[in-house]
Amino acid sequence: MAVWLVLEETCGCRRAPSYALASRRALADLAPEMLAGLRPARARRYPRRLAAALEQRSSEEGLRSC
């Protein structure tokens, strides 16, 4: 049985969403048509959405959280 190991937890860190926003800005400069009409999600929802995505992925792959 596989287990997820967390090397660094950044969910509670304010800089974690800024990495996603910086990537989005770079993509907007390179390929603005890909992001036309889309807006980033609110940063306050980020930790909850990340946790839900990890839980869903791990359950799909038969993994469990510690």
N, C-alpha and C. Protein backbone atom coordinates (compact mmCIF):
# COMPACT_ATOMS: atom_id res chain seq x y z
N MET A 1 0.85 -1.18 0.00
CA MET A 1 0.00 0.00 0.00
C MET A 1 0.89 1.24 0.00
N ALA A 2 0.58 2.19 -0.86
CA ALA A 2 1.35 3.44 -0.95
C ALA A 2 0.78 4.48 0.00
N VAL A 3 1.62 5.39 0.44
CA VAL A 3 1.22 6.46 1.35
C VAL A 3 1.82 7.76 0.85
N TRP A 4 1.02 8.84 0.87
CA TRP A 4 1.55 10.16 0.53
C TRP A 4 2.47 10.63 1.65
N LEU A 5 3.62 11.13 1.31
CA LEU A 5 4.52 11.75 2.28
C LEU A 5 4.63 13.23 1.94
N VAL A 6 4.41 14.08 2.92
CA VAL A 6 4.47 15.51 2.70
C VAL A 6 5.87 15.99 3.04
N LEU A 7 6.56 16.52 2.03
CA LEU A 7 7.90 17.03 2.25
C LEU A 7 7.89 18.45 2.80
N GLU A 8 6.91 19.21 2.36
CA GLU A 8 6.78 20.58 2.83
C GLU A 8 5.32 20.96 2.79
N GLU A 9 4.81 21.44 3.88
CA GLU A 9 3.41 21.85 3.95
C GLU A 9 3.36 23.36 3.79
N THR A 10 2.74 23.82 2.72
CA THR A 10 2.64 25.25 2.50
C THR A 10 1.19 25.73 2.44
N CYS A 11 0.26 24.86 2.80
CA CYS A 11 -1.16 25.25 2.72
C CYS A 11 -1.47 26.44 3.62
N GLY A 12 -0.84 26.50 4.78
CA GLY A 12 -1.11 27.58 5.71
C GLY A 12 -0.25 28.80 5.46
N CYS A 13 0.58 28.73 4.45
CA CYS A 13 1.51 29.82 4.17
C CYS A 13 0.92 30.74 3.10
N ARG A 14 0.96 32.01 3.34
CA ARG A 14 0.36 32.96 2.41
C ARG A 14 1.06 32.98 1.06
N ARG A 15 2.30 32.53 0.98
CA ARG A 15 3.00 32.60 -0.29
C ARG A 15 2.57 31.50 -1.26
N ALA A 16 1.97 30.42 -0.79
CA ALA A 16 1.58 29.31 -1.68
C ALA A 16 0.67 29.77 -2.81
N PRO A 17 -0.40 30.53 -2.54
CA PRO A 17 -1.23 30.99 -3.66
C PRO A 17 -0.49 31.97 -4.57
N SER A 18 0.49 32.67 -4.04
CA SER A 18 1.20 33.63 -4.89
C SER A 18 2.00 32.93 -5.98
N TYR A 19 2.47 31.70 -5.73
CA TYR A 19 3.15 30.95 -6.78
C TYR A 19 2.19 30.66 -7.93
N ALA A 20 0.97 30.26 -7.61
CA ALA A 20 -0.02 29.99 -8.65
C ALA A 20 -0.37 31.27 -9.42
N LEU A 21 -0.50 32.37 -8.71
CA LEU A 21 -0.81 33.63 -9.38
C LEU A 21 0.34 34.10 -10.26
N ALA A 22 1.58 33.91 -9.81
CA ALA A 22 2.73 34.28 -10.63
C ALA A 22 2.78 33.44 -11.90
N SER A 23 2.47 32.15 -11.78
CA SER A 23 2.43 31.28 -12.95
C SER A 23 1.34 31.73 -13.91
N ARG A 24 0.21 32.13 -13.35
CA ARG A 24 -0.90 32.59 -14.17
C ARG A 24 -0.52 33.86 -14.92
N ARG A 25 0.17 34.77 -14.24
CA ARG A 25 0.59 36.01 -14.91
C ARG A 25 1.56 35.73 -16.05
N ALA A 26 2.48 34.80 -15.81
CA ALA A 26 3.44 34.43 -16.86
C ALA A 26 2.71 33.82 -18.05
N LEU A 27 1.76 32.94 -17.79
CA LEU A 27 0.98 32.32 -18.85
C LEU A 27 0.16 33.37 -19.59
N ALA A 28 -0.37 34.33 -18.87
CA ALA A 28 -1.15 35.40 -19.49
C ALA A 28 -0.29 36.21 -20.45
N ASP A 29 0.99 36.38 -20.13
CA ASP A 29 1.89 37.10 -21.02
C ASP A 29 2.24 36.27 -22.25
N LEU A 30 2.39 34.96 -22.07
CA LEU A 30 2.80 34.09 -23.17
C LEU A 30 1.65 33.66 -24.07
N ALA A 31 0.50 33.38 -23.48
CA ALA A 31 -0.65 32.87 -24.25
C ALA A 31 -1.95 33.43 -23.68
N PRO A 32 -2.20 34.71 -23.87
CA PRO A 32 -3.38 35.33 -23.27
C PRO A 32 -4.70 34.70 -23.72
N GLU A 33 -4.74 34.14 -24.91
CA GLU A 33 -5.99 33.53 -25.39
C GLU A 33 -6.40 32.34 -24.54
N MET A 34 -5.46 31.68 -23.88
CA MET A 34 -5.79 30.53 -23.03
C MET A 34 -6.56 30.93 -21.78
N LEU A 35 -6.36 32.16 -21.33
CA LEU A 35 -6.98 32.62 -20.09
C LEU A 35 -8.11 33.62 -20.32
N ALA A 36 -8.46 33.85 -21.57
CA ALA A 36 -9.50 34.83 -21.89
C ALA A 36 -10.80 34.49 -21.16
N GLY A 37 -11.31 35.43 -20.40
CA GLY A 37 -12.58 35.25 -19.71
C GLY A 37 -12.50 34.48 -18.41
N LEU A 38 -11.34 34.01 -18.03
CA LEU A 38 -11.20 33.26 -16.77
C LEU A 38 -10.61 34.15 -15.69
N ARG A 39 -11.08 33.96 -14.48
CA ARG A 39 -10.53 34.71 -13.34
C ARG A 39 -10.00 33.73 -12.31
N PRO A 40 -8.93 34.08 -11.62
CA PRO A 40 -8.40 33.19 -10.59
C PRO A 40 -9.37 33.03 -9.43
N ALA A 41 -9.33 31.88 -8.79
CA ALA A 41 -10.16 31.64 -7.61
C ALA A 41 -9.65 32.50 -6.45
N ARG A 42 -10.51 32.77 -5.51
CA ARG A 42 -10.10 33.56 -4.34
C ARG A 42 -9.04 32.80 -3.54
N ALA A 43 -8.06 33.49 -3.06
CA ALA A 43 -6.95 32.87 -2.34
C ALA A 43 -7.42 32.20 -1.04
N ARG A 44 -8.44 32.71 -0.41
CA ARG A 44 -8.87 32.12 0.86
C ARG A 44 -9.43 30.70 0.68
N ARG A 45 -9.85 30.36 -0.53
CA ARG A 45 -10.36 29.02 -0.80
C ARG A 45 -9.26 28.03 -1.15
N TYR A 46 -8.08 28.53 -1.41
CA TYR A 46 -6.98 27.71 -1.90
C TYR A 46 -6.64 26.51 -1.01
N PRO A 47 -6.40 26.68 0.29
CA PRO A 47 -6.04 25.51 1.12
C PRO A 47 -7.11 24.42 1.11
N ARG A 48 -8.36 24.80 1.18
CA ARG A 48 -9.45 23.82 1.18
C ARG A 48 -9.54 23.08 -0.15
N ARG A 49 -9.39 23.81 -1.24
CA ARG A 49 -9.46 23.18 -2.56
C ARG A 49 -8.27 22.27 -2.81
N LEU A 50 -7.09 22.67 -2.35
CA LEU A 50 -5.90 21.83 -2.49
C LEU A 50 -6.06 20.54 -1.70
N ALA A 51 -6.53 20.64 -0.47
CA ALA A 51 -6.73 19.45 0.36
C ALA A 51 -7.76 18.51 -0.28
N ALA A 52 -8.83 19.06 -0.81
CA ALA A 52 -9.86 18.24 -1.45
C ALA A 52 -9.31 17.55 -2.69
N ALA A 53 -8.51 18.25 -3.48
CA ALA A 53 -7.92 17.65 -4.69
C ALA A 53 -6.97 16.52 -4.32
N LEU A 54 -6.15 16.73 -3.29
CA LEU A 54 -5.22 15.68 -2.87
C LEU A 54 -5.96 14.46 -2.33
N GLU A 55 -7.01 14.70 -1.54
CA GLU A 55 -7.80 13.60 -1.02
C GLU A 55 -8.47 12.80 -2.14
N GLN A 56 -9.03 13.52 -3.11
CA GLN A 56 -9.69 12.83 -4.23
C GLN A 56 -8.68 12.00 -5.02
N ARG A 57 -7.55 12.59 -5.33
CA ARG A 57 -6.53 11.87 -6.10
C ARG A 57 -6.02 10.65 -5.35
N SER A 58 -5.78 10.81 -4.05
CA SER A 58 -5.26 9.69 -3.28
C SER A 58 -6.29 8.57 -3.17
N SER A 59 -7.57 8.91 -3.02
CA SER A 59 -8.59 7.86 -2.93
C SER A 59 -8.75 7.14 -4.26
N GLU A 60 -8.61 7.88 -5.36
CA GLU A 60 -8.69 7.27 -6.69
C GLU A 60 -7.54 6.28 -6.91
N GLU A 61 -6.40 6.55 -6.31
CA GLU A 61 -5.23 5.70 -6.51
C GLU A 61 -5.03 4.71 -5.37
N GLY A 62 -6.01 4.65 -4.46
CA GLY A 62 -5.92 3.69 -3.36
C GLY A 62 -4.91 4.07 -2.30
N LEU A 63 -4.60 5.36 -2.21
CA LEU A 63 -3.66 5.85 -1.20
C LEU A 63 -4.43 6.33 0.01
N ARG A 64 -3.75 6.48 1.12
CA ARG A 64 -4.41 7.00 2.32
C ARG A 64 -3.55 8.09 2.92
N SER A 65 -4.19 9.03 3.60
CA SER A 65 -3.43 10.09 4.26
C SER A 65 -3.08 9.63 5.67
N CYS A 66 -2.02 10.18 6.20
CA CYS A 66 -1.55 9.80 7.54
C CYS A 66 -2.25 10.60 8.60
